Amino acid sequence: MHELPLCKPDWLKIRMRRPDRFGRVRELLARYELNTVCTSAKCPNMFECWDDGCLTFMVLGDTCTRACRFCAVSHGCPEGVDDAEPGRVALAAEELGLKYVVITSVDRDDLSDFGASHYAACVRAVKERLPGVGVEVIIPDFSGELDLIEAVVDAGPDVISHNVETVERLSSLVRDRRAGYFRSLDVLRDVKRLDPLMVTKSSLLLGMGEDQGEVRGVMHDLCEARVDILTVGQYLRPGPDQWPVCRYVHPDEFAELAAYGRSLGFGHVEAGPLVRTSYRAAGHFLSVGSQVIRRASCG
C-alpha cells in the first residue's frame, strides 16, 4: 500500500483557536475521571469543539477489545465496568451546560451484553438529570444481537449512530475481523425496525484506497437502510502502525458527495476534510428530527 508524504494540503491544516474553555473542559474531565473519544482517537477538531463546550464522552474504559487498523484507540484487555460512570457523565454534562450530549465507547466483546446495558444506563442518567437535553449514542455492533440493540433503543436516545467506516471491499482489511460491512448495515436497519421515529446516522472516512463508485455504492446502501444522517470525512493516519493514507480528498469532491447524498434522500449530509461522526452533531439532529417524524407518519 502506497504511503503519501507527510506534507498535508492546506485544507487539512488546523487553525488553532484561542482556547478559552479548553482548559476548563480538560480539568472537569479529569475531576470526573471520564474519557473522551476526542483525545483517544486524536480527533483533529478537539480544540474547536472543546472551546465551544462540545465533546464526545467515551464510556466503558479507554481500551478496546477490537483492533481496527485505522483507529488510534488503545486495544487489549480492558478493565471492569464502572457502574458509577453514567452518573458522572450526567454530572459533567450538567456542569458544562451541554444542550446535546454525545456518548460513544470502546468495543467490549469481553462483556456478555457487549456494553449495551451501560449505554442504556448512560442515556437514562443524562435524561433524568437534564430533561430536554438531546442525547446521541455512537454504538458498536453488539455482535448484531437484536435484543441488545433494543435495550439501547428503549433507553430513549434522540439519535443512534453506527459507523460503516469504509467501503465494502476495504472493510475486512481496515476493520477488526469481528466487525463487518453487512453487519453494520443490519444494525442500522434493526434500529429503524425497532423504532421508525429514531434518527439514525452513519459515517465514512475517505482516503483509505476506495474509489468514488464504491463510495456512492455505500451511500446507496445506507440510504436503503433508511439512515437519516451521513457524515463523510478525510481519513488521517493516527500513527505509523495504522493503515496508510492513500489520497487526500479535495474539498470540492466532498461538496459533490454531499450534494449527491441529498439527492438520494438523506435528511442531512455533513461532508468535508475534517468532518467526524459527532462534529456539529446537535445541528445534524435539529435539521432532520422533524423530517423523520413526518416520513414515519406518511409511511
Protein backbone atom coordinates (compact mmCIF):
# COMPACT_ATOMS: atom_id res chain seq x y z
CA MET A 1 0.00 0.00 0.00
CA HIS A 2 1.49 3.34 -1.12
CA GLU A 3 2.02 5.86 1.66
CA LEU A 4 1.74 9.57 0.94
CA PRO A 5 4.37 12.09 2.03
CA LEU A 6 3.82 13.63 5.45
CA CYS A 7 3.08 17.07 3.97
CA LYS A 8 -0.68 17.66 4.02
CA PRO A 9 -2.59 20.01 1.73
CA ASP A 10 -3.58 23.43 3.00
CA TRP A 11 -7.21 22.44 3.55
CA LEU A 12 -6.12 19.95 6.23
CA LYS A 13 -4.12 22.45 8.24
CA ILE A 14 -5.90 23.14 11.50
CA ARG A 15 -6.25 26.78 12.52
CA MET A 16 -5.76 26.87 16.27
CA ARG A 17 -8.29 28.92 18.18
CA ARG A 18 -7.75 30.77 21.43
CA PRO A 19 -8.71 28.02 23.93
CA ASP A 20 -10.92 29.99 26.33
CA ARG A 21 -12.81 26.91 27.54
CA PHE A 22 -10.37 24.16 26.58
CA GLY A 23 -8.58 24.09 29.93
CA ARG A 24 -11.84 24.07 31.86
CA VAL A 25 -13.15 21.10 29.89
CA ARG A 26 -9.90 19.20 30.40
CA GLU A 27 -9.93 19.88 34.15
CA LEU A 28 -13.55 18.81 34.51
CA LEU A 29 -12.96 15.53 32.66
CA ALA A 30 -10.01 14.75 34.90
CA ARG A 31 -12.04 15.55 38.01
CA TYR A 32 -14.88 13.24 36.98
CA GLU A 33 -12.44 10.59 35.67
CA LEU A 34 -14.07 10.50 32.25
CA ASN A 35 -12.63 9.62 28.85
CA THR A 36 -13.39 11.24 25.51
CA VAL A 37 -13.01 9.89 22.01
CA CYS A 38 -11.67 13.36 21.18
CA THR A 39 -8.38 12.56 22.91
CA SER A 40 -8.28 8.78 22.48
CA ALA A 41 -8.92 8.91 18.73
CA LYS A 42 -6.80 12.04 18.19
CA CYS A 43 -9.68 13.99 16.68
CA PRO A 44 -8.50 16.99 14.62
CA ASN A 45 -11.44 19.09 15.83
CA MET A 46 -10.76 18.74 19.55
CA PHE A 47 -9.61 22.31 20.21
CA GLU A 48 -12.51 23.81 18.26
CA CYS A 49 -15.14 21.58 19.88
CA TRP A 50 -13.86 21.84 23.44
CA ASP A 51 -13.59 25.60 23.15
CA ASP A 52 -17.24 25.59 22.05
CA GLY A 53 -18.11 23.40 25.05
CA CYS A 54 -18.76 20.30 22.90
CA LEU A 55 -17.23 16.87 23.35
CA THR A 56 -17.92 13.16 22.92
CA PHE A 57 -17.81 11.05 26.07
CA MET A 58 -16.18 7.64 25.64
CA VAL A 59 -17.53 5.21 28.22
CA LEU A 60 -16.61 1.65 29.25
CA GLY A 61 -12.94 2.48 29.63
CA ASP A 62 -10.21 3.52 27.20
CA THR A 63 -9.11 0.09 25.98
CA CYS A 64 -10.90 -1.57 23.07
CA THR A 65 -11.21 -5.31 22.56
CA ARG A 66 -11.01 -4.80 18.80
CA ALA A 67 -8.04 -3.67 16.75
CA CYS A 68 -9.25 -1.76 13.71
CA ARG A 69 -6.31 -0.71 11.57
CA PHE A 70 -7.47 2.88 11.08
CA CYS A 71 -8.13 3.69 14.75
CA ALA A 72 -5.88 5.32 17.36
CA VAL A 73 -7.77 4.00 20.41
CA SER A 74 -5.70 1.58 22.50
CA HIS A 75 -6.67 -2.08 22.25
CA GLY A 76 -6.12 -5.04 24.53
CA CYS A 77 -7.78 -6.41 27.66
CA PRO A 78 -9.95 -3.74 29.32
CA GLU A 79 -10.73 -3.38 32.99
CA GLY A 80 -14.11 -4.00 34.59
CA VAL A 81 -17.19 -1.82 34.12
CA ASP A 82 -17.54 1.26 36.31
CA ASP A 83 -21.21 1.29 37.33
CA ALA A 84 -20.93 4.86 38.61
CA GLU A 85 -19.80 6.20 35.25
CA PRO A 86 -23.29 7.03 33.86
CA GLY A 87 -23.94 9.31 36.82
CA ARG A 88 -20.61 11.08 36.34
CA VAL A 89 -21.33 11.60 32.65
CA ALA A 90 -24.63 13.27 33.58
CA LEU A 91 -22.95 15.46 36.21
CA ALA A 92 -20.22 16.52 33.82
CA ALA A 93 -22.77 17.32 31.11
CA GLU A 94 -24.71 19.44 33.59
CA GLU A 95 -21.62 21.32 34.78
CA LEU A 96 -20.57 22.01 31.18
CA GLY A 97 -24.03 23.27 30.37
CA LEU A 98 -24.40 20.87 27.44
CA LYS A 99 -27.64 21.02 25.47
CA TYR A 100 -26.67 17.99 23.38
CA VAL A 101 -24.71 15.05 24.78
CA VAL A 102 -22.82 12.60 22.57
CA ILE A 103 -21.73 9.24 24.02
CA THR A 104 -19.62 6.54 22.41
CA SER A 105 -17.49 3.70 23.76
CA VAL A 106 -14.75 1.25 23.09
CA ASP A 107 -15.86 -2.20 21.91
CA ARG A 108 -16.36 -4.55 24.84
CA ASP A 109 -16.53 -8.07 23.38
CA ASP A 110 -15.46 -9.33 26.81
CA LEU A 111 -18.88 -8.46 28.29
CA SER A 112 -21.91 -10.71 28.00
CA ASP A 113 -24.02 -7.85 26.63
CA PHE A 114 -21.13 -6.07 24.86
CA GLY A 115 -21.84 -3.00 27.00
CA ALA A 116 -25.45 -2.42 25.87
CA SER A 117 -26.84 -2.07 29.41
CA HIS A 118 -24.15 0.51 30.23
CA TYR A 119 -25.15 2.56 27.20
CA ALA A 120 -28.78 2.41 28.33
CA ALA A 121 -27.77 3.50 31.84
CA CYS A 122 -25.83 6.46 30.46
CA VAL A 123 -28.76 7.63 28.34
CA ARG A 124 -31.18 7.34 31.26
CA ALA A 125 -28.82 9.11 33.67
CA VAL A 126 -28.43 12.09 31.34
CA LYS A 127 -32.15 12.25 30.50
CA GLU A 128 -33.12 12.08 34.18
CA ARG A 129 -30.66 14.75 35.30
CA LEU A 130 -31.08 17.01 32.27
CA PRO A 131 -34.65 16.79 30.94
CA GLY A 132 -34.93 18.19 27.44
CA VAL A 133 -31.27 17.69 26.57
CA GLY A 134 -30.61 15.78 23.35
CA VAL A 135 -28.61 12.55 23.59
CA GLU A 136 -26.79 10.84 20.73
CA VAL A 137 -25.10 7.46 21.11
CA ILE A 138 -22.49 6.13 18.70
CA ILE A 139 -22.81 2.42 19.31
CA PRO A 140 -20.74 -0.65 18.45
CA ASP A 141 -22.43 -3.54 16.65
CA PHE A 142 -23.21 -5.54 19.83
CA SER A 143 -22.37 -8.60 17.72
CA GLY A 144 -25.60 -7.93 15.84
CA GLU A 145 -27.82 -9.18 18.69
CA LEU A 146 -31.26 -7.61 18.31
CA ASP A 147 -32.20 -7.68 22.00
CA LEU A 148 -29.08 -5.66 22.87
CA ILE A 149 -29.80 -3.08 20.19
CA GLU A 150 -33.34 -2.92 21.53
CA ALA A 151 -32.06 -2.22 25.06
CA VAL A 152 -30.37 0.94 23.79
CA VAL A 153 -33.36 1.98 21.67
CA ASP A 154 -35.66 1.55 24.68
CA ALA A 155 -33.48 3.88 26.76
CA GLY A 156 -34.70 6.72 24.56
CA PRO A 157 -31.73 8.45 22.92
CA ASP A 158 -32.55 11.01 20.25
CA VAL A 159 -30.02 9.71 17.72
CA ILE A 160 -28.40 6.30 17.31
CA SER A 161 -25.28 6.27 15.19
CA HIS A 162 -23.31 3.28 13.99
CA ASN A 163 -20.43 3.72 11.56
CA VAL A 164 -19.72 1.62 8.49
CA GLU A 165 -16.35 3.48 8.35
CA THR A 166 -15.33 2.42 4.82
CA VAL A 167 -16.46 0.70 1.62
CA GLU A 168 -17.36 -2.98 1.50
CA ARG A 169 -14.12 -4.05 -0.27
CA LEU A 170 -11.88 -2.49 2.38
CA SER A 171 -13.97 -3.32 5.44
CA SER A 172 -12.28 -6.64 6.21
CA LEU A 173 -8.85 -5.06 5.70
CA VAL A 174 -9.14 -1.95 7.88
CA ARG A 175 -11.71 -3.04 10.46
CA ASP A 176 -11.37 -5.75 13.09
CA ARG A 177 -12.32 -9.24 11.88
CA ARG A 178 -15.29 -9.27 14.26
CA ALA A 179 -16.81 -6.25 12.52
CA GLY A 180 -18.49 -6.46 9.14
CA TYR A 181 -19.89 -4.18 6.47
CA PHE A 182 -23.21 -6.02 6.17
CA ARG A 183 -23.50 -6.47 9.92
CA SER A 184 -23.20 -2.71 10.32
CA LEU A 185 -25.94 -2.15 7.75
CA ASP A 186 -28.12 -4.65 9.62
CA VAL A 187 -27.59 -2.80 12.91
CA LEU A 188 -28.83 0.41 11.31
CA ARG A 189 -31.81 -1.38 9.76
CA ASP A 190 -32.66 -3.01 13.09
CA VAL A 191 -32.77 0.35 14.86
CA LYS A 192 -35.34 1.59 12.36
CA ARG A 193 -37.36 -1.62 12.62
CA LEU A 194 -37.47 -1.25 16.39
CA ASP A 195 -38.34 2.45 16.30
CA PRO A 196 -39.19 4.09 12.94
CA LEU A 197 -39.01 7.52 14.62
CA MET A 198 -35.42 7.06 15.81
CA VAL A 199 -32.95 9.26 13.95
CA THR A 200 -30.10 7.12 12.63
CA LYS A 201 -26.67 8.14 11.48
CA SER A 202 -23.53 6.64 9.96
CA SER A 203 -20.09 7.79 8.90
CA LEU A 204 -17.49 7.22 6.20
CA LEU A 205 -13.78 8.05 6.17
CA LEU A 206 -12.25 8.58 2.73
CA GLY A 207 -8.68 8.18 1.57
CA MET A 208 -8.13 4.54 2.56
CA GLY A 209 -7.98 3.24 -1.02
CA GLU A 210 -11.62 3.36 -2.12
CA ASP A 211 -12.85 4.80 -5.41
CA GLN A 212 -15.75 7.17 -5.96
CA GLY A 213 -18.01 4.46 -7.35
CA GLU A 214 -17.56 2.44 -4.18
CA VAL A 215 -18.31 5.46 -2.02
CA ARG A 216 -21.54 6.10 -3.91
CA GLY A 217 -22.38 2.42 -3.50
CA VAL A 218 -22.08 2.73 0.28
CA MET A 219 -24.27 5.81 0.20
CA HIS A 220 -26.92 3.84 -1.69
CA ASP A 221 -26.69 1.01 0.85
CA LEU A 222 -27.05 3.41 3.78
CA CYS A 223 -29.99 5.13 2.14
CA GLU A 224 -31.64 1.74 1.60
CA ALA A 225 -31.11 1.08 5.32
CA ARG A 226 -33.09 4.30 5.96
CA VAL A 227 -30.18 6.15 7.56
CA ASP A 228 -31.12 9.79 8.14
CA ILE A 229 -27.73 11.48 8.63
CA LEU A 230 -24.44 10.77 6.87
CA THR A 231 -21.06 12.25 7.74
CA VAL A 232 -18.09 11.93 5.38
CA GLY A 233 -14.56 12.98 6.26
CA GLN A 234 -10.90 12.51 5.38
CA TYR A 235 -9.05 9.61 6.99
CA LEU A 236 -5.93 10.86 8.76
CA ARG A 237 -3.41 8.26 9.83
CA PRO A 238 -3.05 8.44 13.63
CA GLY A 239 0.41 6.86 13.70
CA PRO A 240 2.87 4.61 11.86
CA ASP A 241 1.13 1.40 12.99
CA GLN A 242 -2.20 2.31 11.40
CA TRP A 243 -3.46 1.99 7.83
CA PRO A 244 -1.71 4.47 5.49
CA VAL A 245 -3.45 7.38 3.79
CA CYS A 246 -3.82 6.62 0.08
CA ARG A 247 -5.02 10.04 -1.04
CA TYR A 248 -6.20 13.40 0.24
CA VAL A 249 -9.69 14.16 -0.96
CA HIS A 250 -10.24 17.69 -2.27
CA PRO A 251 -12.97 19.79 -0.62
CA ASP A 252 -14.76 20.05 -3.98
CA GLU A 253 -15.19 16.26 -4.02
CA PHE A 254 -16.68 16.36 -0.54
CA ALA A 255 -19.12 19.03 -1.71
CA GLU A 256 -20.12 16.85 -4.68
CA LEU A 257 -20.71 13.88 -2.40
CA ALA A 258 -22.83 15.98 -0.06
CA ALA A 259 -24.99 17.09 -2.98
CA TYR A 260 -25.25 13.53 -4.23
CA GLY A 261 -26.26 12.31 -0.76
CA ARG A 262 -29.00 14.91 -0.56
CA SER A 263 -30.26 13.80 -3.97
CA LEU A 264 -30.53 10.23 -2.64
CA GLY A 265 -32.78 11.41 0.17
CA PHE A 266 -30.59 11.68 3.26
CA GLY A 267 -32.02 14.17 5.72
CA HIS A 268 -28.60 15.70 6.25
CA VAL A 269 -25.11 15.12 4.83
CA GLU A 270 -22.08 16.68 6.51
CA ALA A 271 -19.03 16.21 4.28
CA GLY A 272 -15.62 17.83 4.49
CA PRO A 273 -11.96 17.08 5.16
CA LEU A 274 -12.18 17.36 8.97
CA VAL A 275 -15.73 16.07 9.44
CA ARG A 276 -16.19 13.31 12.02
CA THR A 277 -19.29 11.50 13.29
CA SER A 278 -20.03 13.85 16.17
CA TYR A 279 -18.75 17.07 14.59
CA ARG A 280 -21.57 19.65 14.88
CA ALA A 281 -23.85 16.77 15.85
CA ALA A 282 -26.51 18.90 17.52
CA GLY A 283 -27.13 20.73 14.25
CA HIS A 284 -27.47 17.45 12.38
CA PHE A 285 -30.23 16.31 14.69
CA LEU A 286 -32.09 19.60 14.58
CA SER A 287 -32.06 19.53 10.78
CA VAL A 288 -33.64 16.08 10.45
CA GLY A 289 -35.76 15.36 13.54
CA SER A 290 -39.00 16.77 12.15
CA GLN A 291 -38.34 15.11 8.77
CA VAL A 292 -38.16 11.68 10.39
CA ILE A 293 -41.45 12.18 12.21
CA ARG A 294 -43.12 13.40 9.01
CA ARG A 295 -41.84 10.48 6.91
CA ALA A 296 -42.90 7.94 9.55
CA SER A 297 -46.40 9.41 9.76
CA CYS A 298 -46.74 9.27 5.98
CA GLY A 299 -45.27 5.77 5.64
